[in-house]
Amino acid sequence: MADLLECFERIVRSAGSVTEARSDPIGGSHPFDDRNIHTRIEGTSKKLFDDGHYASATFEAYKFIDKEVSALAGISDSGVKLMMKAFSEQSPLIKLTDLSTISEKDEQEGYKFIFSGSVMAIRNPRGHEYGVVDSPTECLDHLSLASLLLRRLERAKK
């Protein structure tokens, strides 16, 4: 009986992703493939997503981004404080560009605010508030942004 209940629970949890997030629910590709979610984000979030824990999948992805920035910057800060230090245009710990032109400085500053804003607007509510509920599509949107940020981080000037 317990096995039957577990099977039923898996079906119910995945129903949302089948109906809302999958482009072809019958034998189609996984939404992570459709959205080209970064493989390292996939490793932290795919099972949570597949089990219907969309807010948790998002939260874990952004915790991962935070840890990656912290490691690359070589400091133990986290959140907005970390992002503002790591991507500062004046003395960046992580250089996303050569910072030799106004456009490159603008790009560095823009990503500083995108990283910071993502932590504030996406990660923090899921880490500090109770009962945050995301739809599969919202989760995939968040994971797409996290993938973009991680890919940009991987191209950083070392």
Protein backbone atom coordinates (compact mmCIF):
# COMPACT_ATOMS: atom_id res chain seq x y z
CA MET A 1 0.00 0.00 0.00
CA ALA A 2 2.87 2.41 0.85
CA ASP A 3 4.42 1.80 -2.59
CA LEU A 4 1.12 2.64 -4.27
CA LEU A 5 0.85 5.88 -2.29
CA GLU A 6 4.44 6.84 -3.17
CA CYS A 7 3.74 6.16 -6.85
CA PHE A 8 0.57 8.26 -6.72
CA GLU A 9 2.42 11.10 -4.97
CA ARG A 10 5.13 11.11 -7.68
CA ILE A 11 2.47 11.31 -10.40
CA VAL A 12 0.66 14.16 -8.69
CA ARG A 13 3.88 16.10 -8.03
CA SER A 14 4.98 15.82 -11.64
CA ALA A 15 1.57 16.73 -13.09
CA GLY A 16 2.30 20.45 -12.91
CA SER A 17 5.54 20.14 -14.81
CA VAL A 18 3.88 17.99 -17.44
CA THR A 19 0.96 20.33 -18.01
CA GLU A 20 2.65 23.70 -17.58
CA ALA A 21 6.36 23.36 -18.25
CA ARG A 22 6.83 20.62 -20.83
CA SER A 23 6.45 21.49 -24.45
CA ASP A 24 5.76 17.88 -25.42
CA PRO A 25 4.56 15.90 -22.38
CA ILE A 26 4.32 12.57 -24.20
CA GLY A 27 7.87 11.36 -24.65
CA GLY A 28 9.16 14.90 -25.07
CA SER A 29 12.32 16.43 -23.77
CA HIS A 30 12.75 17.62 -20.21
CA PRO A 31 12.10 21.35 -19.69
CA PHE A 32 15.70 21.74 -18.50
CA ASP A 33 16.81 20.66 -21.97
CA ASP A 34 14.30 22.97 -23.65
CA ARG A 35 15.59 25.90 -21.57
CA ASN A 36 19.28 24.87 -21.82
CA ILE A 37 19.65 24.94 -18.03
CA HIS A 38 23.33 24.81 -17.09
CA THR A 39 24.41 21.28 -16.15
CA ARG A 40 25.77 22.45 -12.79
CA ILE A 41 22.42 24.11 -11.99
CA GLU A 42 20.72 20.92 -13.14
CA GLY A 43 22.77 19.00 -10.59
CA THR A 44 21.43 21.13 -7.74
CA SER A 45 17.85 21.62 -8.89
CA LYS A 46 16.55 18.97 -11.30
CA LYS A 47 15.33 16.43 -8.73
CA LEU A 48 13.62 19.15 -6.72
CA PHE A 49 11.96 20.43 -9.89
CA ASP A 50 10.87 16.95 -10.96
CA ASP A 51 9.40 16.37 -7.49
CA GLY A 52 7.37 19.58 -7.73
CA HIS A 53 9.48 21.61 -5.26
CA TYR A 54 9.86 24.61 -7.54
CA ALA A 55 10.73 27.27 -4.96
CA SER A 56 13.32 24.96 -3.42
CA ALA A 57 14.81 24.22 -6.86
CA THR A 58 15.20 27.96 -7.40
CA PHE A 59 16.62 28.56 -3.92
CA GLU A 60 19.24 25.82 -4.31
CA ALA A 61 20.34 27.19 -7.69
CA TYR A 62 20.89 30.66 -6.29
CA LYS A 63 22.71 29.33 -3.23
CA PHE A 64 24.98 27.55 -5.70
CA ILE A 65 25.60 30.81 -7.61
CA ASP A 66 26.39 32.57 -4.32
CA LYS A 67 28.94 29.90 -3.36
CA GLU A 68 30.54 30.01 -6.82
CA VAL A 69 30.96 33.78 -6.66
CA SER A 70 32.34 33.55 -3.12
CA ALA A 71 34.89 30.90 -4.13
CA LEU A 72 35.98 32.77 -7.26
CA ALA A 73 36.22 36.09 -5.40
CA GLY A 74 38.13 34.46 -2.54
CA ILE A 75 36.00 35.98 0.20
CA SER A 76 33.52 34.48 2.62
CA ASP A 77 30.79 37.10 2.26
CA SER A 78 27.45 36.14 0.77
CA GLY A 79 24.41 37.75 -0.76
CA VAL A 80 24.29 41.37 -1.85
CA LYS A 81 27.43 42.31 0.09
CA LEU A 82 29.37 39.62 -1.78
CA MET A 83 28.05 40.62 -5.19
CA MET A 84 28.78 44.30 -4.69
CA LYS A 85 32.38 43.56 -3.66
CA ALA A 86 33.02 40.82 -6.19
CA PHE A 87 31.84 42.80 -9.23
CA SER A 88 32.80 46.35 -8.18
CA GLU A 89 33.85 48.38 -11.20
CA GLN A 90 36.59 50.20 -9.24
CA SER A 91 38.36 47.19 -7.71
CA PRO A 92 36.64 43.99 -8.81
CA LEU A 93 37.54 40.66 -7.29
CA ILE A 94 35.99 39.08 -10.38
CA LYS A 95 36.55 40.87 -13.69
CA LEU A 96 33.89 40.07 -16.25
CA THR A 97 35.53 42.38 -18.81
CA ASP A 98 38.88 44.08 -19.30
CA LEU A 99 37.35 47.30 -17.93
CA SER A 100 39.26 49.31 -20.53
CA THR A 101 36.30 51.06 -22.18
CA ILE A 102 33.20 52.78 -20.86
CA SER A 103 31.11 49.98 -22.34
CA GLU A 104 33.16 47.31 -20.53
CA LYS A 105 32.86 49.22 -17.26
CA ASP A 106 29.10 49.54 -17.81
CA GLU A 107 28.85 45.79 -18.43
CA GLN A 108 30.75 45.05 -15.22
CA GLU A 109 28.49 47.40 -13.25
CA GLY A 110 25.35 46.01 -14.90
CA TYR A 111 26.23 42.44 -13.99
CA LYS A 112 27.03 43.58 -10.44
CA PHE A 113 23.43 44.75 -10.16
CA ILE A 114 22.00 41.69 -11.93
CA PHE A 115 23.85 39.33 -9.57
CA SER A 116 22.89 41.46 -6.54
CA GLY A 117 19.29 41.85 -7.65
CA SER A 118 18.93 38.14 -8.29
CA VAL A 119 20.08 37.38 -4.76
CA MET A 120 17.70 39.97 -3.30
CA ALA A 121 14.62 39.33 -5.42
CA ILE A 122 14.83 35.63 -6.16
CA ARG A 123 16.97 33.84 -3.56
CA ASN A 124 16.18 35.80 -0.41
CA PRO A 125 12.38 35.42 -0.35
CA ARG A 126 12.77 31.64 -0.76
CA GLY A 127 15.35 31.52 2.01
CA HIS A 128 13.74 33.86 4.52
CA GLU A 129 10.01 33.53 3.98
CA TYR A 130 7.70 30.63 4.65
CA GLY A 131 5.41 29.17 2.02
CA VAL A 132 6.81 30.71 -1.17
CA VAL A 133 5.12 28.90 -4.05
CA ASP A 134 6.43 28.99 -7.63
CA SER A 135 4.88 27.56 -10.74
CA PRO A 136 7.02 25.35 -12.98
CA THR A 137 7.30 28.18 -15.49
CA GLU A 138 8.44 30.68 -12.84
CA CYS A 139 11.01 28.18 -11.62
CA LEU A 140 12.31 27.61 -15.14
CA ASP A 141 12.56 31.36 -15.68
CA HIS A 142 14.60 31.68 -12.48
CA LEU A 143 16.81 28.74 -13.44
CA SER A 144 17.36 30.21 -16.90
CA LEU A 145 18.62 33.43 -15.33
CA ALA A 146 20.82 31.45 -12.92
CA SER A 147 22.24 29.56 -15.91
CA LEU A 148 23.03 32.82 -17.68
CA LEU A 149 24.79 34.13 -14.57
CA LEU A 150 26.80 30.96 -14.11
CA ARG A 151 27.86 30.92 -17.76
CA ARG A 152 28.95 34.56 -17.51
CA LEU A 153 30.87 33.77 -14.34
CA GLU A 154 32.69 30.95 -16.12
CA ARG A 155 33.92 33.43 -18.75
CA ALA A 156 35.25 35.84 -16.12
CA LYS A 157 38.76 37.25 -16.46
CA LYS A 158 40.98 35.48 -13.99
